[in-house]
Each structure stands twice: as C-alpha cells, then as structure tokens.
C-alpha atoms as a PDB file:
ATOM      1  CA  UNK A   1      65.491 284.693 -11.976  1.00  0.00           C
ATOM      2  CA  UNK A   2      62.157 284.263 -13.733  1.00  0.00           C
ATOM      3  CA  UNK A   3      62.126 282.452 -17.080  1.00  0.00           C
ATOM      4  CA  UNK A   4      59.702 282.074 -19.983  1.00  0.00           C
ATOM      5  CA  UNK A   5      57.886 278.721 -20.022  1.00  0.00           C
ATOM      6  CA  UNK A   6      55.278 276.936 -22.136  1.00  0.00           C
ATOM      7  CA  UNK A   7      51.616 276.546 -21.241  1.00  0.00           C
ATOM      8  CA  UNK A   8      49.435 273.977 -23.006  1.00  0.00           C
ATOM      9  CA  UNK A   9      45.662 273.809 -23.561  1.00  0.00           C
ATOM     10  CA  UNK A  10      45.473 270.846 -21.189  1.00  0.00           C
ATOM     11  CA  UNK A  11      46.266 273.187 -18.319  1.00  0.00           C
ATOM     12  CA  UNK A  12      42.787 274.705 -18.516  1.00  0.00           C
ATOM     13  CA  UNK A  13      41.023 271.342 -18.876  1.00  0.00           C
ATOM     14  CA  UNK A  14      42.782 269.424 -16.123  1.00  0.00           C
ATOM     15  CA  UNK A  15      39.922 268.355 -13.851  1.00  0.00           C
ATOM     16  CA  UNK A  16      42.250 267.480 -10.973  1.00  0.00           C
ATOM     17  CA  UNK A  17      43.933 270.879 -11.114  1.00  0.00           C
ATOM     18  CA  UNK A  18      40.425 272.366 -11.108  1.00  0.00           C
ATOM     19  CA  UNK A  19      39.997 271.016  -7.575  1.00  0.00           C
ATOM     20  CA  UNK A  20      42.594 273.547  -6.419  1.00  0.00           C
ATOM     21  CA  UNK A  21      41.699 277.177  -5.711  1.00  0.00           C
ATOM     22  CA  UNK A  22      42.048 279.542  -8.694  1.00  0.00           C
ATOM     23  CA  UNK A  23      45.065 281.230  -7.104  1.00  0.00           C
ATOM     24  CA  UNK A  24      46.698 277.834  -6.607  1.00  0.00           C
ATOM     25  CA  UNK A  25      46.356 277.198 -10.337  1.00  0.00           C
ATOM     26  CA  UNK A  26      47.993 280.532 -11.136  1.00  0.00           C
ATOM     27  CA  UNK A  27      50.696 279.763  -8.592  1.00  0.00           C
ATOM     28  CA  UNK A  28      51.380 276.423 -10.264  1.00  0.00           C
ATOM     29  CA  UNK A  29      52.083 278.122 -13.600  1.00  0.00           C
ATOM     30  CA  UNK A  30      54.157 280.726 -11.775  1.00  0.00           C
ATOM     31  CA  UNK A  31      56.339 278.011 -10.239  1.00  0.00           C
ATOM     32  CA  UNK A  32      57.342 276.897 -13.740  1.00  0.00           C
ATOM     33  CA  UNK A  33      58.753 280.374 -14.391  1.00  0.00           C
ATOM     34  CA  UNK A  34      60.662 280.396 -11.099  1.00  0.00           C
ATOM     35  CA  UNK A  35      62.079 276.885 -11.544  1.00  0.00           C
ATOM     36  CA  UNK A  36      65.438 276.057 -13.105  1.00  0.00           C
ATOM     37  CA  UNK A  37      65.743 273.849 -16.193  1.00  0.00           C
ATOM     38  CA  UNK A  38      65.158 270.744 -14.050  1.00  0.00           C
ATOM     39  CA  UNK A  39      61.940 272.079 -12.503  1.00  0.00           C
ATOM     40  CA  UNK A  40      63.472 272.839  -9.096  1.00  0.00           C
ATOM     41  CA  UNK A  41      63.526 275.959  -6.952  1.00  0.00           C
ATOM     42  CA  UNK A  42      64.153 276.960  -3.356  1.00  0.00           C
ATOM     43  CA  UNK A  43      61.145 276.516  -1.085  1.00  0.00           C
ATOM     44  CA  UNK A  44      60.906 280.120   0.144  1.00  0.00           C
ATOM     45  CA  UNK A  45      57.165 280.888   0.428  1.00  0.00           C
ATOM     46  CA  UNK A  46      57.477 284.648   0.967  1.00  0.00           C
ATOM     47  CA  UNK A  47      59.721 285.058  -2.056  1.00  0.00           C
ATOM     48  CA  UNK A  48      57.506 282.768  -4.144  1.00  0.00           C
ATOM     49  CA  UNK A  49      54.449 284.890  -3.285  1.00  0.00           C
ATOM     50  CA  UNK A  50      56.296 288.086  -4.169  1.00  0.00           C
ATOM     51  CA  UNK A  51      57.240 286.664  -7.567  1.00  0.00           C
ATOM     52  CA  UNK A  52      54.041 284.790  -8.499  1.00  0.00           C
ATOM     53  CA  UNK A  53      51.166 286.491  -6.633  1.00  0.00           C
ATOM     54  CA  UNK A  54      52.431 289.964  -5.692  1.00  0.00           C
ATOM     55  CA  UNK A  55      49.018 291.689  -5.702  1.00  0.00           C
ATOM     56  CA  UNK A  56      46.868 289.001  -4.059  1.00  0.00           C
ATOM     57  CA  UNK A  57      46.090 288.652  -0.371  1.00  0.00           C
ATOM     58  CA  UNK A  58      46.433 284.916   0.169  1.00  0.00           C
ATOM     59  CA  UNK A  59      47.924 282.169   2.301  1.00  0.00           C
ATOM     60  CA  UNK A  60      50.838 281.039   0.142  1.00  0.00           C
ATOM     61  CA  UNK A  61      51.549 278.048   2.390  1.00  0.00           C
ATOM     62  CA  UNK A  62      47.990 276.798   1.972  1.00  0.00           C
ATOM     63  CA  UNK A  63      48.202 277.202  -1.812  1.00  0.00           C
ATOM     64  CA  UNK A  64      51.475 275.295  -1.963  1.00  0.00           C
ATOM     65  CA  UNK A  65      49.903 272.656   0.258  1.00  0.00           C
ATOM     66  CA  UNK A  66      47.082 272.198  -2.263  1.00  0.00           C
ATOM     67  CA  UNK A  67      49.580 271.617  -5.066  1.00  0.00           C
ATOM     68  CA  UNK A  68      51.412 269.085  -2.909  1.00  0.00           C
ATOM     69  CA  UNK A  69      48.288 267.190  -1.851  1.00  0.00           C
ATOM     70  CA  UNK A  70      47.086 266.956  -5.449  1.00  0.00           C
ATOM     71  CA  UNK A  71      50.461 265.691  -6.644  1.00  0.00           C
ATOM     72  CA  UNK A  72      51.633 268.641  -8.745  1.00  0.00           C
ATOM     73  CA  UNK A  73      54.773 269.446  -6.743  1.00  0.00           C
ATOM     74  CA  UNK A  74      57.056 267.808  -4.195  1.00  0.00           C
ATOM     75  CA  UNK A  75      58.423 269.791  -1.252  1.00  0.00           C
ATOM     76  CA  UNK A  76      61.590 268.256   0.165  1.00  0.00           C
ATOM     77  CA  UNK A  77      64.694 269.030   2.182  1.00  0.00           C
ATOM     78  CA  UNK A  78      68.313 268.330   1.266  1.00  0.00           C
ATOM     79  CA  UNK A  79      71.294 269.184   3.463  1.00  0.00           C
ATOM     80  CA  UNK A  80      69.131 271.407   5.624  1.00  0.00           C
ATOM     81  CA  UNK A  81      67.752 273.471   2.730  1.00  0.00           C
ATOM     82  CA  UNK A  82      64.144 273.253   1.556  1.00  0.00           C
ATOM     83  CA  UNK A  83      63.334 272.881  -2.131  1.00  0.00           C
ATOM     84  CA  UNK A  84      60.398 272.319  -4.483  1.00  0.00           C
ATOM     85  CA  UNK A  85      60.347 269.902  -7.414  1.00  0.00           C
ATOM     86  CA  UNK A  86      57.695 270.398 -10.102  1.00  0.00           C
ATOM     87  CA  UNK A  87      56.630 266.856 -10.988  1.00  0.00           C
ATOM     88  CA  UNK A  88      57.461 265.798 -14.581  1.00  0.00           C
ATOM     89  CA  UNK A  89      58.684 269.300 -15.427  1.00  0.00           C
ATOM     90  CA  UNK A  90      61.191 268.109 -18.047  1.00  0.00           C
ATOM     91  CA  UNK A  91      58.483 266.129 -19.829  1.00  0.00           C
ATOM     92  CA  UNK A  92      56.332 269.176 -20.476  1.00  0.00           C
ATOM     93  CA  UNK A  93      58.801 272.075 -20.698  1.00  0.00           C
ATOM     94  CA  UNK A  94      61.557 272.785 -23.208  1.00  0.00           C
ATOM     95  CA  UNK A  95      64.112 275.085 -21.534  1.00  0.00           C
ATOM     96  CA  UNK A  96      66.266 277.346 -23.683  1.00  0.00           C
ATOM     97  CA  UNK A  97      69.477 275.704 -24.831  1.00  0.00           C
ATOM     98  CA  UNK A  98      71.593 278.324 -23.032  1.00  0.00           C
ATOM     99  CA  UNK A  99      69.805 277.990 -19.699  1.00  0.00           C
ATOM    100  CA  UNK A 100      72.193 276.911 -16.969  1.00  0.00           C
ATOM    101  CA  UNK A 101      72.131 273.375 -15.613  1.00  0.00           C
ATOM    102  CA  UNK A 102      70.377 272.957 -12.282  1.00  0.00           C
ATOM    103  CA  UNK A 103      72.560 273.281  -9.184  1.00  0.00           C
ATOM    104  CA  UNK A 104      69.769 272.156  -6.832  1.00  0.00           C
ATOM    105  CA  UNK A 105      70.011 268.539  -5.657  1.00  0.00           C
ATOM    106  CA  UNK A 106      67.303 266.266  -6.987  1.00  0.00           C
ATOM    107  CA  UNK A 107      64.980 264.596  -4.483  1.00  0.00           C
ATOM    108  CA  UNK A 108      65.865 261.058  -3.388  1.00  0.00           C
ATOM    109  CA  UNK A 109      69.529 261.218  -4.460  1.00  0.00           C
ATOM    110  CA  UNK A 110      71.791 258.689  -2.770  1.00  0.00           C
ATOM    111  CA  UNK A 111      73.506 260.287   0.191  1.00  0.00           C
ATOM    112  CA  UNK A 112      70.989 263.149   0.334  1.00  0.00           C
ATOM    113  CA  UNK A 113      68.640 263.569   3.265  1.00  0.00           C
ATOM    114  CA  UNK A 114      65.269 264.147   1.635  1.00  0.00           C
ATOM    115  CA  UNK A 115      62.215 264.901   3.742  1.00  0.00           C
ATOM    116  CA  UNK A 116      58.778 265.790   2.394  1.00  0.00           C
ATOM    117  CA  UNK A 117      57.367 268.918   4.001  1.00  0.00           C
ATOM    118  CA  UNK A 118      53.891 268.324   5.500  1.00  0.00           C
ATOM    119  CA  UNK A 119      50.842 270.227   4.293  1.00  0.00           C
ATOM    120  CA  UNK A 120      49.611 273.167   6.426  1.00  0.00           C
ATOM    121  CA  UNK A 121      46.558 271.168   7.568  1.00  0.00           C
ATOM    122  CA  UNK A 122      48.835 268.533   9.094  1.00  0.00           C
ATOM    123  CA  UNK A 123      48.018 265.810   6.593  1.00  0.00           C
ATOM    124  CA  UNK A 124      50.758 263.820   4.941  1.00  0.00           C
ATOM    125  CA  UNK A 125      51.790 265.042   1.464  1.00  0.00           C
ATOM    126  CA  UNK A 126      50.920 263.004  -1.596  1.00  0.00           C
ATOM    127  CA  UNK A 127      53.498 260.291  -2.240  1.00  0.00           C
ATOM    128  CA  UNK A 128      54.941 261.140  -5.655  1.00  0.00           C
ATOM    129  CA  UNK A 129      56.598 257.740  -5.942  1.00  0.00           C
ATOM    130  CA  UNK A 130      53.353 255.712  -5.998  1.00  0.00           C
ATOM    131  CA  UNK A 131      53.216 254.240  -9.521  1.00  0.00           C
ATOM    132  CA  UNK A 132      49.454 254.485  -9.938  1.00  0.00           C
ATOM    133  CA  UNK A 133      49.159 258.088  -8.767  1.00  0.00           C
ATOM    134  CA  UNK A 134      47.695 260.249 -11.574  1.00  0.00           C
ATOM    135  CA  UNK A 135      50.121 262.554 -13.331  1.00  0.00           C
ATOM    136  CA  UNK A 136      48.750 266.011 -12.754  1.00  0.00           C
ATOM    137  CA  UNK A 137      50.906 268.095 -15.035  1.00  0.00           C
ATOM    138  CA  UNK A 138      48.914 269.765 -17.872  1.00  0.00           C
ATOM    139  CA  UNK A 139      48.285 267.562 -20.921  1.00  0.00           C
ATOM    140  CA  UNK A 140      48.962 264.475 -18.809  1.00  0.00           C
ATOM    141  CA  UNK A 141      45.598 263.725 -17.279  1.00  0.00           C
ATOM    142  CA  UNK A 142      45.950 259.946 -17.191  1.00  0.00           C
ATOM    143  CA  UNK A 143      49.735 259.445 -16.987  1.00  0.00           C
ATOM    144  CA  UNK A 144      51.955 258.449 -14.090  1.00  0.00           C
ATOM    145  CA  UNK A 145      54.238 260.315 -11.721  1.00  0.00           C
ATOM    146  CA  UNK A 146      57.815 260.180 -12.937  1.00  0.00           C
ATOM    147  CA  UNK A 147      59.515 257.563 -10.739  1.00  0.00           C
ATOM    148  CA  UNK A 148      62.706 257.214 -12.760  1.00  0.00           C
ATOM    149  CA  UNK A 149      66.193 257.627 -11.345  1.00  0.00           C
ATOM    150  CA  UNK A 150      67.380 261.260 -11.085  1.00  0.00           C
ATOM    151  CA  UNK A 151      69.033 262.614 -14.248  1.00  0.00           C
ATOM    152  CA  UNK A 152      72.766 262.191 -14.792  1.00  0.00           C
ATOM    153  CA  UNK A 153      74.720 265.327 -13.905  1.00  0.00           C
ATOM    154  CA  UNK A 154      76.929 267.039 -16.472  1.00  0.00           C
ATOM    155  CA  UNK A 155      79.990 266.179 -14.397  1.00  0.00           C
ATOM    156  CA  UNK A 156      79.135 262.476 -14.223  1.00  0.00           C
ATOM    157  CA  UNK A 157      78.551 262.337 -17.974  1.00  0.00           C
ATOM    158  CA  UNK A 158      81.827 264.148 -18.704  1.00  0.00           C
ATOM    159  CA  UNK A 159      83.797 261.797 -16.455  1.00  0.00           C
ATOM    160  CA  UNK A 160      82.281 258.743 -18.157  1.00  0.00           C
ATOM    161  CA  UNK A 161      83.122 260.103 -21.613  1.00  0.00           C
ATOM    162  CA  UNK A 162      86.701 260.961 -20.631  1.00  0.00           C
ATOM    163  CA  UNK A 163      87.244 257.500 -19.189  1.00  0.00           C
ATOM    164  CA  UNK A 164      86.057 256.054 -22.493  1.00  0.00           C
ATOM    165  CA  UNK A 165      88.602 258.135 -24.410  1.00  0.00           C
ATOM    166  CA  UNK A 166      86.863 261.390 -25.323  1.00  0.00           C
ATOM    167  CA  UNK A 167      89.176 264.240 -24.329  1.00  0.00           C
ATOM    168  CA  UNK A 168      87.440 267.292 -25.804  1.00  0.00           C
ATOM    169  CA  UNK A 169      84.086 267.780 -24.019  1.00  0.00           C
ATOM    170  CA  UNK A 170      81.769 270.787 -24.253  1.00  0.00           C
ATOM    171  CA  UNK A 171      79.343 270.690 -21.331  1.00  0.00           C
ATOM    172  CA  UNK A 172      77.367 273.648 -22.714  1.00  0.00           C
ATOM    173  CA  UNK A 173      76.714 272.032 -26.115  1.00  0.00           C
ATOM    174  CA  UNK A 174      72.933 272.041 -26.836  1.00  0.00           C
ATOM    175  CA  UNK A 175      72.871 268.327 -27.741  1.00  0.00           C
ATOM    176  CA  UNK A 176      74.740 267.461 -24.538  1.00  0.00           C
ATOM    177  CA  UNK A 177      72.258 269.455 -22.428  1.00  0.00           C
ATOM    178  CA  UNK A 178      69.351 267.859 -24.285  1.00  0.00           C
ATOM    179  CA  UNK A 179      70.796 264.398 -23.599  1.00  0.00           C
ATOM    180  CA  UNK A 180      70.943 265.186 -19.878  1.00  0.00           C
ATOM    181  CA  UNK A 181      67.306 266.310 -19.945  1.00  0.00           C
ATOM    182  CA  UNK A 182      66.394 263.063 -21.707  1.00  0.00           C
ATOM    183  CA  UNK A 183      68.094 261.161 -18.862  1.00  0.00           C
ATOM    184  CA  UNK A 184      70.813 259.543 -20.913  1.00  0.00           C
ATOM    185  CA  UNK A 185      72.893 257.694 -18.322  1.00  0.00           C
ATOM    186  CA  UNK A 186      76.608 258.062 -17.650  1.00  0.00           C
ATOM    187  CA  UNK A 187      77.110 254.498 -18.870  1.00  0.00           C
ATOM    188  CA  UNK A 188      75.304 255.273 -22.127  1.00  0.00           C
ATOM    189  CA  UNK A 189      77.567 258.284 -22.672  1.00  0.00           C
ATOM    190  CA  UNK A 190      80.663 256.169 -22.078  1.00  0.00           C
ATOM    191  CA  UNK A 191      79.452 253.289 -24.232  1.00  0.00           C
ATOM    192  CA  UNK A 192      78.636 255.713 -27.046  1.00  0.00           C
ATOM    193  CA  UNK A 193      82.204 257.032 -27.006  1.00  0.00           C
ATOM    194  CA  UNK A 194      83.580 253.482 -27.120  1.00  0.00           C
ATOM    195  CA  UNK A 195      81.303 252.526 -30.007  1.00  0.00           C
ATOM    196  CA  UNK A 196      81.973 255.718 -31.970  1.00  0.00           C
ATOM    197  CA  UNK A 197      85.739 255.460 -31.527  1.00  0.00           C
ATOM    198  CA  UNK A 198      85.579 251.815 -32.554  1.00  0.00           C
ATOM    199  CA  UNK A 199      83.761 252.870 -35.712  1.00  0.00           C
ATOM    200  CA  UNK A 200      86.567 255.254 -36.655  1.00  0.00           C
ATOM    201  CA  UNK A 201      85.345 258.576 -35.274  1.00  0.00           C
ATOM    202  CA  UNK A 202      88.122 260.569 -33.651  1.00  0.00           C
ATOM    203  CA  UNK A 203      89.381 264.039 -32.871  1.00  0.00           C
ATOM    204  CA  UNK A 204      87.067 266.996 -32.377  1.00  0.00           C
ATOM    205  CA  UNK A 205      84.122 265.180 -33.934  1.00  0.00           C
ATOM    206  CA  UNK A 206      84.118 262.343 -31.406  1.00  0.00           C
ATOM    207  CA  UNK A 207      82.278 264.267 -28.700  1.00  0.00           C
ATOM    208  CA  UNK A 208      79.340 265.544 -30.764  1.00  0.00           C
ATOM    209  CA  UNK A 209      79.042 262.278 -32.642  1.00  0.00           C
ATOM    210  CA  UNK A 210      79.058 260.177 -29.449  1.00  0.00           C
ATOM    211  CA  UNK A 211      76.426 262.406 -27.828  1.00  0.00           C
ATOM    212  CA  UNK A 212      74.081 261.900 -30.775  1.00  0.00           C
ATOM    213  CA  UNK A 213      74.705 258.147 -30.732  1.00  0.00           C
ATOM    214  CA  UNK A 214      73.951 258.085 -26.991  1.00  0.00           C
ATOM    215  CA  UNK A 215      70.702 260.006 -27.490  1.00  0.00           C
ATOM    216  CA  UNK A 216      69.607 257.771 -30.345  1.00  0.00           C
ATOM    217  CA  UNK A 217      70.373 254.566 -28.459  1.00  0.00           C
ATOM    218  CA  UNK A 218      68.690 255.867 -25.300  1.00  0.00           C
ATOM    219  CA  UNK A 219      65.523 256.810 -27.182  1.00  0.00           C
ATOM    220  CA  UNK A 220      65.331 253.287 -28.624  1.00  0.00           C
ATOM    221  CA  UNK A 221      65.604 251.626 -25.210  1.00  0.00           C
ATOM    222  CA  UNK A 222      63.743 254.115 -22.997  1.00  0.00           C
ATOM    223  CA  UNK A 223      60.349 252.540 -23.668  1.00  0.00           C
ATOM    224  CA  UNK A 224      61.431 248.953 -22.999  1.00  0.00           C
ATOM    225  CA  UNK A 225      59.392 247.480 -20.135  1.00  0.00           C
ATOM    226  CA  UNK A 226      61.284 244.229 -19.597  1.00  0.00           C
ATOM    227  CA  UNK A 227      64.496 242.710 -20.853  1.00  0.00           C
ATOM    228  CA  UNK A 228      65.114 239.031 -21.605  1.00  0.00           C
ATOM    229  CA  UNK A 229      67.314 237.241 -19.131  1.00  0.00           C
ATOM    230  CA  UNK A 230      70.671 235.904 -20.181  1.00  0.00           C
ATOM    231  CA  UNK A 231      69.541 232.270 -20.153  1.00  0.00           C
ATOM    232  CA  UNK A 232      70.249 229.593 -22.688  1.00  0.00           C
ATOM    233  CA  UNK A 233      67.975 229.726 -25.722  1.00  0.00           C
ATOM    234  CA  UNK A 234      66.152 226.845 -27.416  1.00  0.00           C
ATOM    235  CA  UNK A 235      69.319 225.778 -29.197  1.00  0.00           C
ATOM    236  CA  UNK A 236      71.331 225.673 -26.006  1.00  0.00           C
ATOM    237  CA  UNK A 237      73.358 228.812 -26.806  1.00  0.00           C
ATOM    238  CA  UNK A 238      73.515 231.378 -24.050  1.00  0.00           C
ATOM    239  CA  UNK A 239      71.936 234.738 -24.815  1.00  0.00           C
ATOM    240  CA  UNK A 240      74.320 237.712 -24.826  1.00  0.00           C
ATOM    241  CA  UNK A 241      74.551 239.735 -21.625  1.00  0.00           C
ATOM    242  CA  UNK A 242      72.727 243.051 -21.369  1.00  0.00           C
ATOM    243  CA  UNK A 243      76.065 244.871 -21.352  1.00  0.00           C
ATOM    244  CA  UNK A 244      77.346 243.154 -24.489  1.00  0.00           C
ATOM    245  CA  UNK A 245      74.026 243.651 -26.241  1.00  0.00           C
ATOM    246  CA  UNK A 246      74.021 247.339 -25.304  1.00  0.00           C
ATOM    247  CA  UNK A 247      77.528 247.805 -26.721  1.00  0.00           C
ATOM    248  CA  UNK A 248      76.514 245.973 -29.902  1.00  0.00           C
ATOM    249  CA  UNK A 249      73.480 248.211 -30.317  1.00  0.00           C
ATOM    250  CA  UNK A 250      75.659 251.292 -29.945  1.00  0.00           C
ATOM    251  CA  UNK A 251      78.167 249.920 -32.446  1.00  0.00           C
ATOM    252  CA  UNK A 252      75.387 249.181 -34.947  1.00  0.00           C
ATOM    253  CA  UNK A 253      74.017 252.706 -34.571  1.00  0.00           C
ATOM    254  CA  UNK A 254      77.437 254.270 -35.102  1.00  0.00           C
ATOM    255  CA  UNK A 255      78.148 252.070 -38.135  1.00  0.00           C
ATOM    256  CA  UNK A 256      74.800 252.950 -39.696  1.00  0.00           C
ATOM    257  CA  UNK A 257      75.520 256.651 -39.274  1.00  0.00           C
ATOM    258  CA  UNK A 258      78.954 256.262 -40.840  1.00  0.00           C
ATOM    259  CA  UNK A 259      77.757 254.221 -43.823  1.00  0.00           C
ATOM    260  CA  UNK A 260      75.055 256.727 -44.713  1.00  0.00           C
ATOM    261  CA  UNK A 261      77.254 259.782 -44.264  1.00  0.00           C
ATOM    262  CA  UNK A 262      80.174 258.241 -46.162  1.00  0.00           C
ATOM    263  CA  UNK A 263      78.016 257.686 -49.231  1.00  0.00           C
ATOM    264  CA  UNK A 264      76.506 261.167 -49.008  1.00  0.00           C
ATOM    265  CA  UNK A 265      79.654 263.138 -48.283  1.00  0.00           C
ATOM    266  CA  UNK A 266      82.184 261.289 -50.425  1.00  0.00           C
ATOM    267  CA  UNK A 267      84.463 259.854 -47.719  1.00  0.00           C
ATOM    268  CA  UNK A 268      85.520 263.194 -46.240  1.00  0.00           C
ATOM    269  CA  UNK A 269      87.529 263.349 -42.992  1.00  0.00           C
ATOM    270  CA  UNK A 270      85.717 262.187 -39.882  1.00  0.00           C
ATOM    271  CA  UNK A 271      86.359 265.408 -37.956  1.00  0.00           C
ATOM    272  CA  UNK A 272      84.685 267.380 -40.754  1.00  0.00           C
ATOM    273  CA  UNK A 273      81.549 265.312 -41.235  1.00  0.00           C
ATOM    274  CA  UNK A 274      80.884 263.745 -37.837  1.00  0.00           C
ATOM    275  CA  UNK A 275      78.201 266.264 -36.907  1.00  0.00           C
ATOM    276  CA  UNK A 276      76.645 266.236 -40.371  1.00  0.00           C
ATOM    277  CA  UNK A 277      76.597 262.449 -40.379  1.00  0.00           C
ATOM    278  CA  UNK A 278      74.650 262.176 -37.168  1.00  0.00           C
ATOM    279  CA  UNK A 279      72.315 265.016 -38.097  1.00  0.00           C
ATOM    280  CA  UNK A 280      71.522 263.400 -41.457  1.00  0.00           C
ATOM    281  CA  UNK A 281      70.696 260.042 -39.842  1.00  0.00           C
ATOM    282  CA  UNK A 282      68.659 261.510 -36.996  1.00  0.00           C
ATOM    283  CA  UNK A 283      66.880 264.207 -38.991  1.00  0.00           C
ATOM    284  CA  UNK A 284      68.228 267.027 -36.828  1.00  0.00           C
ATOM    285  CA  UNK A 285      69.427 270.470 -37.828  1.00  0.00           C
ATOM    286  CA  UNK A 286      73.074 271.276 -36.980  1.00  0.00           C
ATOM    287  CA  UNK A 287      73.542 272.908 -33.589  1.00  0.00           C
ATOM    288  CA  UNK A 288      73.864 276.685 -33.681  1.00  0.00           C
END
C-alpha cells in the first residue's frame, strides 16, 4: 500500500543523487511511498515499476542498481525472500502515528541470512556498512550511512517492560512507536520501568511514564561517542559500572519529572498525572 511521505529541498540539490538517471531519482522518491514505516519493502521489480513508474519505458533493474551503487538503498535477502532497505529512512521520514510496525526483517539481524543482491552490470553493490561512505539521503550530503544495530521490535520492548513489572502495555501508543523509531533499546525500556516504579509511579500511568523516561534517557545518551571505563579514579575509588550509572540516570530523570509535576499539579494521584508530568518536563503535547 502506497503512503504519503516527506520530500525536502535537499533532494533536488544532492549532487550524488544527480549522478543517477532522472528516472532513478523519481524511483528513489517512489520507494519511500512504497516502504513501510521502517523504510523496507519487498524487492519485486515488476511491481515496483508498476507503482512508481507506470508510464515510462525503462529498465527497472538498472535503475535500482544505480540507487544501490550510489548507496541510497540496500537490496538483501532474508529467509529466501528479497527485500529493499532505504538507507537512513527513519532519520528523514516521519511516518503517521497509526502506521503499522514493519513486519519485514531488518538486514543483518542475528540468525537471518542476509545477502546483498548484485547490480545488473555485475559489479558488487556499495557496502552500506562502511563508516566513511557518504550518506546519500536528501538533506544529508555529508553524513554517514547508518551502521547502528537494528531497531528493537515491539515484542522485545514489551517483554522487557513486563519483566521489569509493567503489566499494562499498549504497543500501538504513539510514544511507544516513536521510541521504537528512535531505537530505544529493550534494556532502556526495562530500566525505565524499574526507575519509574522506584520513584512511585504505578498502575495505568506506569507504561506511558516509563516510555517517556526511556525516550528522554536515550536521547541524552545517543550522541555519546565513548564511555569512561570502570577503573579506579584519582582518589582510588572505583568508578560506577555502566549498568549502575545507567540506572542512576534513569532514576534521576524520573525523580525530576515527579518533583516538577508534584509542585505543578498539587500532589494528585500518580495514575492521573503521570502523562501530564512527563509531557510538562519534556515539552510534549499529550498523545491523542
């Protein structure tokens, strides 16, 4: 099913994209509309041509090959089925909150046989995992290909939260879906529940509150390049472990949210003000 997507001014000024044929550029934008919320779709060239270039006489395989060789897409195979991944799709697109979660396996998942499909001219496809390869998505002319671990699935996140003590989980909640797109890890979801529960949040408000804490904590740590090792400091005291420090950061975030909301809302019940507390601290509007 085709979907509405965003197009940015950088699309028209991308000098690397300009090296592709004009129809390849149109095809690239068309692939966004055919992709799911994770930027993935089935690699079915005839169907792709019918959806994206129905009135043009062209070699769709050659056009896809151009996008592969220039680093815009990755063609891969998982469990005998061929797929396409639009590189850095989630960084440049904002899918509708009600759009279904991707059911297509991500490339390079553990236990998944992933094979890059060669270009029609026989040359090897561009290696999307090379750190210094230019990011070729519009408005990202000098960035890097996204080499992070695949996003956490909704099921993995839900399991982690339940193990931490959160019983009521809404996998279609907009904030939950946004957290998955932001690549909040299963551990961060679980730690957020632990920290929020330890701060006194309980009942129906625990889930939404913990999700916001997880997103906030993840956004604060996502740009960290290196972490200090747990070696003894100048005074001889051993630095806290990464796990303990992560839990402490989550606890501090939850406590800060509670202190601000308690003063603003007059000590109302936690189930009533959990969402408002997090929204007030993070500057978000309540979910619809």
